[in-house]
């Protein structure tokens, strides 16, 4: 399942409705990332989902952008909560080594 800037619509038909929640969430985050890449040159990636906490890493134009918090909480968290209402929080992956 890749993201495409030209087509702007990742292929999601390979994810069955009864797939594990983490797999469905990863597919949704990949779809969000495709739009962020197309419109802003950045990307988001699901790193983990544990106990209702979704951990996201940001790359490209999102990495270090002063609006990355708005992207993370407004766009990513807001969208994911529409499909996964039990989501407790979306947090940024640690960037420290």
PDB file of N, CA and C in Angstrom:
ATOM      1  N   UNK A   1       0.845  -1.159   0.000  1.00  0.00           N
ATOM      2  CA  UNK A   1       0.000   0.000   0.000  1.00  0.00           C
ATOM      3  C   UNK A   1       0.890   1.221   0.000  1.00  0.00           C
ATOM      4  N   UNK A   2       1.058   1.852  -1.094  1.00  0.00           N
ATOM      5  CA  UNK A   2       1.924   3.008  -1.169  1.00  0.00           C
ATOM      6  C   UNK A   2       1.140   4.290  -1.264  1.00  0.00           C
ATOM      7  N   UNK A   3       1.830   5.375  -1.042  1.00  0.00           N
ATOM      8  CA  UNK A   3       1.209   6.664  -1.211  1.00  0.00           C
ATOM      9  C   UNK A   3       1.633   7.226  -2.546  1.00  0.00           C
ATOM     10  N   UNK A   4       0.721   7.904  -3.190  1.00  0.00           N
ATOM     11  CA  UNK A   4       1.025   8.461  -4.495  1.00  0.00           C
ATOM     12  C   UNK A   4       0.636   9.918  -4.525  1.00  0.00           C
ATOM     13  N   UNK A   5       1.561  10.754  -4.923  1.00  0.00           N
ATOM     14  CA  UNK A   5       1.248  12.173  -5.042  1.00  0.00           C
ATOM     15  C   UNK A   5       0.363  12.426  -6.249  1.00  0.00           C
ATOM     16  N   UNK A   6       0.627  11.734  -7.349  1.00  0.00           N
ATOM     17  CA  UNK A   6      -0.128  11.977  -8.574  1.00  0.00           C
ATOM     18  C   UNK A   6      -1.575  11.535  -8.421  1.00  0.00           C
ATOM     19  N   UNK A   7      -1.796  10.325  -7.903  1.00  0.00           N
ATOM     20  CA  UNK A   7      -3.143   9.801  -7.766  1.00  0.00           C
ATOM     21  C   UNK A   7      -3.857  10.317  -6.545  1.00  0.00           C
ATOM     22  N   UNK A   8      -3.130  10.656  -5.510  1.00  0.00           N
ATOM     23  CA  UNK A   8      -3.647  11.206  -4.266  1.00  0.00           C
ATOM     24  C   UNK A   8      -4.589  10.274  -3.528  1.00  0.00           C
ATOM     25  N   UNK A   9      -4.734   9.018  -3.988  1.00  0.00           N
ATOM     26  CA  UNK A   9      -5.623   8.104  -3.308  1.00  0.00           C
ATOM     27  C   UNK A   9      -4.928   6.758  -3.133  1.00  0.00           C
ATOM     28  N   UNK A  10      -4.396   6.497  -1.935  1.00  0.00           N
ATOM     29  CA  UNK A  10      -3.749   5.211  -1.693  1.00  0.00           C
ATOM     30  C   UNK A  10      -4.759   4.072  -1.811  1.00  0.00           C
ATOM     31  N   UNK A  11      -4.276   2.923  -2.148  1.00  0.00           N
ATOM     32  CA  UNK A  11      -5.103   1.732  -2.278  1.00  0.00           C
ATOM     33  C   UNK A  11      -5.343   1.155  -0.884  1.00  0.00           C
ATOM     34  N   UNK A  12      -6.591   1.139  -0.445  1.00  0.00           N
ATOM     35  CA  UNK A  12      -6.927   0.630   0.881  1.00  0.00           C
ATOM     36  C   UNK A  12      -7.816  -0.600   0.833  1.00  0.00           C
ATOM     37  N   UNK A  13      -8.162  -1.062  -0.356  1.00  0.00           N
ATOM     38  CA  UNK A  13      -9.089  -2.189  -0.452  1.00  0.00           C
ATOM     39  C   UNK A  13      -8.493  -3.480   0.099  1.00  0.00           C
ATOM     40  N   UNK A  14      -7.175  -3.530   0.284  1.00  0.00           N
ATOM     41  CA  UNK A  14      -6.542  -4.724   0.829  1.00  0.00           C
ATOM     42  C   UNK A  14      -6.672  -4.853   2.339  1.00  0.00           C
ATOM     43  N   UNK A  15      -7.259  -3.857   3.006  1.00  0.00           N
ATOM     44  CA  UNK A  15      -7.418  -3.900   4.459  1.00  0.00           C
ATOM     45  C   UNK A  15      -8.862  -4.293   4.768  1.00  0.00           C
ATOM     46  N   UNK A  16      -9.082  -5.525   5.229  1.00  0.00           N
ATOM     47  CA  UNK A  16     -10.446  -5.945   5.537  1.00  0.00           C
ATOM     48  C   UNK A  16     -11.000  -5.214   6.761  1.00  0.00           C
ATOM     49  N   UNK A  17     -12.306  -5.051   6.805  1.00  0.00           N
ATOM     50  CA  UNK A  17     -12.958  -4.355   7.912  1.00  0.00           C
ATOM     51  C   UNK A  17     -12.714  -5.044   9.248  1.00  0.00           C
ATOM     52  N   UNK A  18     -12.470  -6.362   9.212  1.00  0.00           N
ATOM     53  CA  UNK A  18     -12.241  -7.086  10.463  1.00  0.00           C
ATOM     54  C   UNK A  18     -10.748  -7.268  10.769  1.00  0.00           C
ATOM     55  N   UNK A  19      -9.892  -6.513  10.079  1.00  0.00           N
ATOM     56  CA  UNK A  19      -8.447  -6.567  10.351  1.00  0.00           C
ATOM     57  C   UNK A  19      -8.203  -6.029  11.753  1.00  0.00           C
ATOM     58  N   UNK A  20      -7.075  -6.395  12.356  1.00  0.00           N
ATOM     59  CA  UNK A  20      -6.758  -5.859  13.687  1.00  0.00           C
ATOM     60  C   UNK A  20      -6.798  -4.328  13.680  1.00  0.00           C
ATOM     61  N   UNK A  21      -7.206  -3.771  14.803  1.00  0.00           N
ATOM     62  CA  UNK A  21      -7.347  -2.321  14.924  1.00  0.00           C
ATOM     63  C   UNK A  21      -6.066  -1.580  14.530  1.00  0.00           C
ATOM     64  N   UNK A  22      -4.922  -2.067  14.959  1.00  0.00           N
ATOM     65  CA  UNK A  22      -3.650  -1.405  14.640  1.00  0.00           C
ATOM     66  C   UNK A  22      -3.404  -1.381  13.134  1.00  0.00           C
ATOM     67  N   UNK A  23      -3.782  -2.433  12.420  1.00  0.00           N
ATOM     68  CA  UNK A  23      -3.606  -2.471  10.965  1.00  0.00           C
ATOM     69  C   UNK A  23      -4.512  -1.455  10.277  1.00  0.00           C
ATOM     70  N   UNK A  24      -5.759  -1.372  10.743  1.00  0.00           N
ATOM     71  CA  UNK A  24      -6.686  -0.405  10.159  1.00  0.00           C
ATOM     72  C   UNK A  24      -6.240   1.019  10.466  1.00  0.00           C
ATOM     73  N   UNK A  25      -5.734   1.235  11.678  1.00  0.00           N
ATOM     74  CA  UNK A  25      -5.249   2.561  12.049  1.00  0.00           C
ATOM     75  C   UNK A  25      -4.024   2.942  11.222  1.00  0.00           C
ATOM     76  N   UNK A  26      -3.119   1.991  11.010  1.00  0.00           N
ATOM     77  CA  UNK A  26      -1.924   2.252  10.197  1.00  0.00           C
ATOM     78  C   UNK A  26      -2.332   2.643   8.769  1.00  0.00           C
ATOM     79  N   UNK A  27      -3.328   1.962   8.206  1.00  0.00           N
ATOM     80  CA  UNK A  27      -3.802   2.286   6.860  1.00  0.00           C
ATOM     81  C   UNK A  27      -4.384   3.700   6.820  1.00  0.00           C
ATOM     82  N   UNK A  28      -5.107   4.085   7.856  1.00  0.00           N
ATOM     83  CA  UNK A  28      -5.672   5.431   7.915  1.00  0.00           C
ATOM     84  C   UNK A  28      -4.560   6.472   8.011  1.00  0.00           C
ATOM     85  N   UNK A  29      -3.569   6.229   8.855  1.00  0.00           N
ATOM     86  CA  UNK A  29      -2.452   7.171   8.992  1.00  0.00           C
ATOM     87  C   UNK A  29      -1.695   7.285   7.669  1.00  0.00           C
ATOM     88  N   UNK A  30      -1.534   6.191   6.952  1.00  0.00           N
ATOM     89  CA  UNK A  30      -0.875   6.246   5.642  1.00  0.00           C
ATOM     90  C   UNK A  30      -1.684   7.092   4.655  1.00  0.00           C
ATOM     91  N   UNK A  31      -3.001   7.005   4.739  1.00  0.00           N
ATOM     92  CA  UNK A  31      -3.850   7.822   3.881  1.00  0.00           C
ATOM     93  C   UNK A  31      -3.696   9.298   4.232  1.00  0.00           C
ATOM     94  N   UNK A  32      -3.711   9.622   5.518  1.00  0.00           N
ATOM     95  CA  UNK A  32      -3.506  11.001   5.957  1.00  0.00           C
ATOM     96  C   UNK A  32      -2.146  11.493   5.474  1.00  0.00           C
ATOM     97  N   UNK A  33      -1.131  10.645   5.609  1.00  0.00           N
ATOM     98  CA  UNK A  33       0.220  11.020   5.201  1.00  0.00           C
ATOM     99  C   UNK A  33       0.291  11.331   3.706  1.00  0.00           C
ATOM    100  N   UNK A  34      -0.456  10.594   2.899  1.00  0.00           N
ATOM    101  CA  UNK A  34      -0.468  10.849   1.457  1.00  0.00           C
ATOM    102  C   UNK A  34      -0.967  12.258   1.158  1.00  0.00           C
ATOM    103  N   UNK A  35      -1.992  12.689   1.868  1.00  0.00           N
ATOM    104  CA  UNK A  35      -2.513  14.044   1.672  1.00  0.00           C
ATOM    105  C   UNK A  35      -1.517  15.091   2.164  1.00  0.00           C
ATOM    106  N   UNK A  36      -0.911  14.849   3.326  1.00  0.00           N
ATOM    107  CA  UNK A  36       0.084  15.784   3.855  1.00  0.00           C
ATOM    108  C   UNK A  36       1.256  15.895   2.885  1.00  0.00           C
ATOM    109  N   UNK A  37       1.688  14.776   2.332  1.00  0.00           N
ATOM    110  CA  UNK A  37       2.786  14.787   1.364  1.00  0.00           C
ATOM    111  C   UNK A  37       2.400  15.583   0.125  1.00  0.00           C
ATOM    112  N   UNK A  38       1.224  15.317  -0.395  1.00  0.00           N
ATOM    113  CA  UNK A  38       0.783  15.964  -1.632  1.00  0.00           C
ATOM    114  C   UNK A  38       0.638  17.477  -1.472  1.00  0.00           C
ATOM    115  N   UNK A  39       0.026  17.897  -0.378  1.00  0.00           N
ATOM    116  CA  UNK A  39      -0.276  19.314  -0.211  1.00  0.00           C
ATOM    117  C   UNK A  39       0.805  20.111   0.510  1.00  0.00           C
ATOM    118  N   UNK A  40       1.642  19.446   1.325  1.00  0.00           N
ATOM    119  CA  UNK A  40       2.582  20.193   2.158  1.00  0.00           C
ATOM    120  C   UNK A  40       4.023  19.693   2.088  1.00  0.00           C
ATOM    121  N   UNK A  41       4.262  18.564   1.463  1.00  0.00           N
ATOM    122  CA  UNK A  41       5.624  18.050   1.359  1.00  0.00           C
ATOM    123  C   UNK A  41       6.134  17.380   2.616  1.00  0.00           C
ATOM    124  N   UNK A  42       5.247  17.076   3.534  1.00  0.00           N
ATOM    125  CA  UNK A  42       5.636  16.386   4.769  1.00  0.00           C
ATOM    126  C   UNK A  42       5.007  15.017   4.830  1.00  0.00           C
ATOM    127  N   UNK A  43       5.243  14.335   5.935  1.00  0.00           N
ATOM    128  CA  UNK A  43       4.633  13.018   6.102  1.00  0.00           C
ATOM    129  C   UNK A  43       4.521  12.673   7.577  1.00  0.00           C
ATOM    130  N   UNK A  44       3.620  11.742   7.857  1.00  0.00           N
ATOM    131  CA  UNK A  44       3.470  11.200   9.204  1.00  0.00           C
ATOM    132  C   UNK A  44       3.518   9.677   9.091  1.00  0.00           C
ATOM    133  N   UNK A  45       3.996   9.055  10.153  1.00  0.00           N
ATOM    134  CA  UNK A  45       4.106   7.603  10.166  1.00  0.00           C
ATOM    135  C   UNK A  45       3.699   7.087  11.541  1.00  0.00           C
ATOM    136  N   UNK A  46       2.878   6.048  11.539  1.00  0.00           N
ATOM    137  CA  UNK A  46       2.494   5.423  12.796  1.00  0.00           C
ATOM    138  C   UNK A  46       3.663   4.604  13.313  1.00  0.00           C
ATOM    139  N   UNK A  47       4.118   4.925  14.507  1.00  0.00           N
ATOM    140  CA  UNK A  47       5.221   4.188  15.131  1.00  0.00           C
ATOM    141  C   UNK A  47       4.702   3.122  16.080  1.00  0.00           C
ATOM    142  N   UNK A  48       3.614   3.437  16.796  1.00  0.00           N
ATOM    143  CA  UNK A  48       3.080   2.480  17.767  1.00  0.00           C
ATOM    144  C   UNK A  48       1.644   2.854  18.120  1.00  0.00           C
ATOM    145  N   UNK A  49       0.910   1.857  18.575  1.00  0.00           N
ATOM    146  CA  UNK A  49      -0.424   2.071  19.131  1.00  0.00           C
ATOM    147  C   UNK A  49      -0.535   1.140  20.316  1.00  0.00           C
ATOM    148  N   UNK A  50      -0.614   1.733  21.511  1.00  0.00           N
ATOM    149  CA  UNK A  50      -0.614   0.932  22.731  1.00  0.00           C
ATOM    150  C   UNK A  50      -1.498   1.600  23.775  1.00  0.00           C
ATOM    151  N   UNK A  51      -2.438   0.839  24.321  1.00  0.00           N
ATOM    152  CA  UNK A  51      -3.325   1.331  25.380  1.00  0.00           C
ATOM    153  C   UNK A  51      -4.020   2.638  25.003  1.00  0.00           C
ATOM    154  N   UNK A  52      -4.446   2.742  23.757  1.00  0.00           N
ATOM    155  CA  UNK A  52      -5.183   3.914  23.321  1.00  0.00           C
ATOM    156  C   UNK A  52      -4.333   5.112  22.956  1.00  0.00           C
ATOM    157  N   UNK A  53      -3.008   4.960  22.986  1.00  0.00           N
ATOM    158  CA  UNK A  53      -2.097   6.052  22.647  1.00  0.00           C
ATOM    159  C   UNK A  53      -1.448   5.746  21.299  1.00  0.00           C
ATOM    160  N   UNK A  54      -1.631   6.650  20.349  1.00  0.00           N
ATOM    161  CA  UNK A  54      -1.055   6.526  19.016  1.00  0.00           C
ATOM    162  C   UNK A  54       0.201   7.388  18.954  1.00  0.00           C
ATOM    163  N   UNK A  55       1.328   6.769  18.633  1.00  0.00           N
ATOM    164  CA  UNK A  55       2.598   7.487  18.527  1.00  0.00           C
ATOM    165  C   UNK A  55       2.915   7.678  17.053  1.00  0.00           C
ATOM    166  N   UNK A  56       3.185   8.928  16.690  1.00  0.00           N
ATOM    167  CA  UNK A  56       3.402   9.329  15.300  1.00  0.00           C
ATOM    168  C   UNK A  56       4.764   9.994  15.156  1.00  0.00           C
ATOM    169  N   UNK A  57       5.489   9.645  14.091  1.00  0.00           N
ATOM    170  CA  UNK A  57       6.699  10.386  13.750  1.00  0.00           C
ATOM    171  C   UNK A  57       6.360  11.267  12.554  1.00  0.00           C
ATOM    172  N   UNK A  58       7.045  12.397  12.481  1.00  0.00           N
ATOM    173  CA  UNK A  58       6.815  13.355  11.406  1.00  0.00           C
ATOM    174  C   UNK A  58       8.106  13.534  10.636  1.00  0.00           C
ATOM    175  N   UNK A  59       7.987  13.681   9.316  1.00  0.00           N
ATOM    176  CA  UNK A  59       9.177  13.806   8.468  1.00  0.00           C
ATOM    177  C   UNK A  59       8.904  14.814   7.362  1.00  0.00           C
ATOM    178  N   UNK A  60       9.925  15.027   6.547  1.00  0.00           N
ATOM    179  CA  UNK A  60       9.804  15.971   5.442  1.00  0.00           C
ATOM    180  C   UNK A  60       9.559  17.370   5.969  1.00  0.00           C
ATOM    181  N   UNK A  61       8.666  18.095   5.322  1.00  0.00           N
ATOM    182  CA  UNK A  61       8.382  19.473   5.718  1.00  0.00           C
ATOM    183  C   UNK A  61       7.771  19.569   7.115  1.00  0.00           C
ATOM    184  N   UNK A  62       7.189  18.484   7.623  1.00  0.00           N
ATOM    185  CA  UNK A  62       6.600  18.495   8.969  1.00  0.00           C
ATOM    186  C   UNK A  62       7.666  18.512  10.059  1.00  0.00           C
ATOM    187  N   UNK A  63       8.815  17.932   9.770  1.00  0.00           N
ATOM    188  CA  UNK A  63       9.878  17.830  10.769  1.00  0.00           C
ATOM    189  C   UNK A  63      10.418  19.221  11.084  1.00  0.00           C
ATOM    190  N   UNK A  64      10.182  19.692  12.287  1.00  0.00           N
ATOM    191  CA  UNK A  64      10.660  21.000  12.703  1.00  0.00           C
ATOM    192  C   UNK A  64       9.762  22.156  12.310  1.00  0.00           C
ATOM    193  N   UNK A  65       8.671  21.893  11.628  1.00  0.00           N
ATOM    194  CA  UNK A  65       7.746  22.953  11.224  1.00  0.00           C
ATOM    195  C   UNK A  65       7.065  23.536  12.462  1.00  0.00           C
ATOM    196  N   UNK A  66       6.942  24.866  12.534  1.00  0.00           N
ATOM    197  CA  UNK A  66       6.282  25.462  13.693  1.00  0.00           C
ATOM    198  C   UNK A  66       4.794  25.089  13.806  1.00  0.00           C
ATOM    199  N   UNK A  67       4.206  24.580  12.739  1.00  0.00           N
ATOM    200  CA  UNK A  67       2.802  24.163  12.781  1.00  0.00           C
ATOM    201  C   UNK A  67       2.635  22.651  12.953  1.00  0.00           C
ATOM    202  N   UNK A  68       3.724  21.945  13.266  1.00  0.00           N
ATOM    203  CA  UNK A  68       3.639  20.488  13.375  1.00  0.00           C
ATOM    204  C   UNK A  68       2.692  20.038  14.487  1.00  0.00           C
ATOM    205  N   UNK A  69       2.596  20.794  15.571  1.00  0.00           N
ATOM    206  CA  UNK A  69       1.658  20.422  16.649  1.00  0.00           C
ATOM    207  C   UNK A  69       0.217  20.493  16.158  1.00  0.00           C
ATOM    208  N   UNK A  70      -0.090  21.504  15.352  1.00  0.00           N
ATOM    209  CA  UNK A  70      -1.433  21.614  14.792  1.00  0.00           C
ATOM    210  C   UNK A  70      -1.718  20.476  13.818  1.00  0.00           C
ATOM    211  N   UNK A  71      -0.704  20.106  13.038  1.00  0.00           N
ATOM    212  CA  UNK A  71      -0.864  18.971  12.130  1.00  0.00           C
ATOM    213  C   UNK A  71      -1.106  17.694  12.925  1.00  0.00           C
ATOM    214  N   UNK A  72      -0.299  17.485  13.961  1.00  0.00           N
ATOM    215  CA  UNK A  72      -0.398  16.267  14.770  1.00  0.00           C
ATOM    216  C   UNK A  72      -1.745  16.171  15.471  1.00  0.00           C
ATOM    217  N   UNK A  73      -2.157  17.236  16.148  1.00  0.00           N
ATOM    218  CA  UNK A  73      -3.372  17.164  16.948  1.00  0.00           C
ATOM    219  C   UNK A  73      -4.630  17.546  16.170  1.00  0.00           C
ATOM    220  N   UNK A  74      -4.521  18.548  15.320  1.00  0.00           N
ATOM    221  CA  UNK A  74      -5.695  18.977  14.576  1.00  0.00           C
ATOM    222  C   UNK A  74      -6.049  18.052  13.437  1.00  0.00           C
ATOM    223  N   UNK A  75      -5.060  17.730  12.621  1.00  0.00           N
ATOM    224  CA  UNK A  75      -5.327  16.934  11.433  1.00  0.00           C
ATOM    225  C   UNK A  75      -5.274  15.436  11.731  1.00  0.00           C
ATOM    226  N   UNK A  76      -4.159  14.963  12.255  1.00  0.00           N
ATOM    227  CA  UNK A  76      -4.008  13.521  12.480  1.00  0.00           C
ATOM    228  C   UNK A  76      -4.945  13.038  13.592  1.00  0.00           C
ATOM    229  N   UNK A  77      -4.833  13.628  14.773  1.00  0.00           N
ATOM    230  CA  UNK A  77      -5.663  13.170  15.897  1.00  0.00           C
ATOM    231  C   UNK A  77      -7.146  13.363  15.606  1.00  0.00           C
ATOM    232  N   UNK A  78      -7.502  14.517  15.052  1.00  0.00           N
ATOM    233  CA  UNK A  78      -8.906  14.771  14.752  1.00  0.00           C
ATOM    234  C   UNK A  78      -9.485  13.758  13.776  1.00  0.00           C
ATOM    235  N   UNK A  79      -8.732  13.435  12.747  1.00  0.00           N
ATOM    236  CA  UNK A  79      -9.200  12.467  11.753  1.00  0.00           C
ATOM    237  C   UNK A  79      -9.265  11.063  12.328  1.00  0.00           C
ATOM    238  N   UNK A  80      -8.211  10.649  13.020  1.00  0.00           N
ATOM    239  CA  UNK A  80      -8.173   9.286  13.565  1.00  0.00           C
ATOM    240  C   UNK A  80      -9.300   9.083  14.577  1.00  0.00           C
ATOM    241  N   UNK A  81      -9.579  10.084  15.404  1.00  0.00           N
ATOM    242  CA  UNK A  81     -10.651   9.947  16.401  1.00  0.00           C
ATOM    243  C   UNK A  81     -12.025   9.781  15.757  1.00  0.00           C
ATOM    244  N   UNK A  82     -12.196  10.278  14.542  1.00  0.00           N
ATOM    245  CA  UNK A  82     -13.470  10.084  13.854  1.00  0.00           C
ATOM    246  C   UNK A  82     -13.710   8.607  13.564  1.00  0.00           C
ATOM    247  N   UNK A  83     -12.644   7.869  13.297  1.00  0.00           N
ATOM    248  CA  UNK A  83     -12.754   6.451  12.944  1.00  0.00           C
ATOM    249  C   UNK A  83     -12.487   5.529  14.135  1.00  0.00           C
ATOM    250  N   UNK A  84     -11.763   6.030  15.118  1.00  0.00           N
ATOM    251  CA  UNK A  84     -11.408   5.254  16.315  1.00  0.00           C
ATOM    252  C   UNK A  84     -11.735   6.109  17.540  1.00  0.00           C
ATOM    253  N   UNK A  85     -13.016   6.187  17.904  1.00  0.00           N
ATOM    254  CA  UNK A  85     -13.430   7.095  18.984  1.00  0.00           C
ATOM    255  C   UNK A  85     -12.839   6.752  20.356  1.00  0.00           C
ATOM    256  N   UNK A  86     -12.335   5.546  20.539  1.00  0.00           N
ATOM    257  CA  UNK A  86     -11.734   5.177  21.824  1.00  0.00           C
ATOM    258  C   UNK A  86     -10.284   5.631  21.948  1.00  0.00           C
ATOM    259  N   UNK A  87      -9.748   6.255  20.910  1.00  0.00           N
ATOM    260  CA  UNK A  87      -8.382   6.764  20.953  1.00  0.00           C
ATOM    261  C   UNK A  87      -8.271   7.782  22.082  1.00  0.00           C
ATOM    262  N   UNK A  88      -7.259   7.605  22.934  1.00  0.00           N
ATOM    263  CA  UNK A  88      -7.054   8.521  24.059  1.00  0.00           C
ATOM    264  C   UNK A  88      -6.226   9.734  23.673  1.00  0.00           C
ATOM    265  N   UNK A  89      -5.157   9.510  22.906  1.00  0.00           N
ATOM    266  CA  UNK A  89      -4.265  10.614  22.553  1.00  0.00           C
ATOM    267  C   UNK A  89      -3.374  10.235  21.384  1.00  0.00           C
ATOM    268  N   UNK A  90      -2.892  11.275  20.710  1.00  0.00           N
ATOM    269  CA  UNK A  90      -1.869  11.123  19.682  1.00  0.00           C
ATOM    270  C   UNK A  90      -0.659  11.908  20.171  1.00  0.00           C
ATOM    271  N   UNK A  91       0.494  11.243  20.191  1.00  0.00           N
ATOM    272  CA  UNK A  91       1.720  11.890  20.672  1.00  0.00           C
ATOM    273  C   UNK A  91       2.791  11.772  19.609  1.00  0.00           C
ATOM    274  N   UNK A  92       3.720  12.724  19.643  1.00  0.00           N
ATOM    275  CA  UNK A  92       4.851  12.701  18.723  1.00  0.00           C
ATOM    276  C   UNK A  92       5.894  11.741  19.250  1.00  0.00           C
ATOM    277  N   UNK A  93       6.491  10.987  18.338  1.00  0.00           N
ATOM    278  CA  UNK A  93       7.593  10.097  18.713  1.00  0.00           C
ATOM    279  C   UNK A  93       8.770  10.953  19.169  1.00  0.00           C
ATOM    280  N   UNK A  94       9.511  10.457  20.107  1.00  0.00           N
ATOM    281  CA  UNK A  94      10.675  11.170  20.607  1.00  0.00           C
ATOM    282  C   UNK A  94      11.707  11.308  19.486  1.00  0.00           C
ATOM    283  N   UNK A  95      12.286  12.482  19.379  1.00  0.00           N
ATOM    284  CA  UNK A  95      13.284  12.718  18.349  1.00  0.00           C
ATOM    285  C   UNK A  95      14.700  12.679  18.924  1.00  0.00           C
ATOM    286  N   UNK A  96      14.791  12.351  20.204  1.00  0.00           N
ATOM    287  CA  UNK A  96      16.113  12.268  20.818  1.00  0.00           C
ATOM    288  C   UNK A  96      16.678  10.872  20.663  1.00  0.00           C
ATOM    289  N   UNK A  97      18.000  10.787  20.513  1.00  0.00           N
ATOM    290  CA  UNK A  97      18.630   9.467  20.321  1.00  0.00           C
ATOM    291  C   UNK A  97      19.086   8.891  21.623  1.00  0.00           C
TER     292      UNK A  97
END
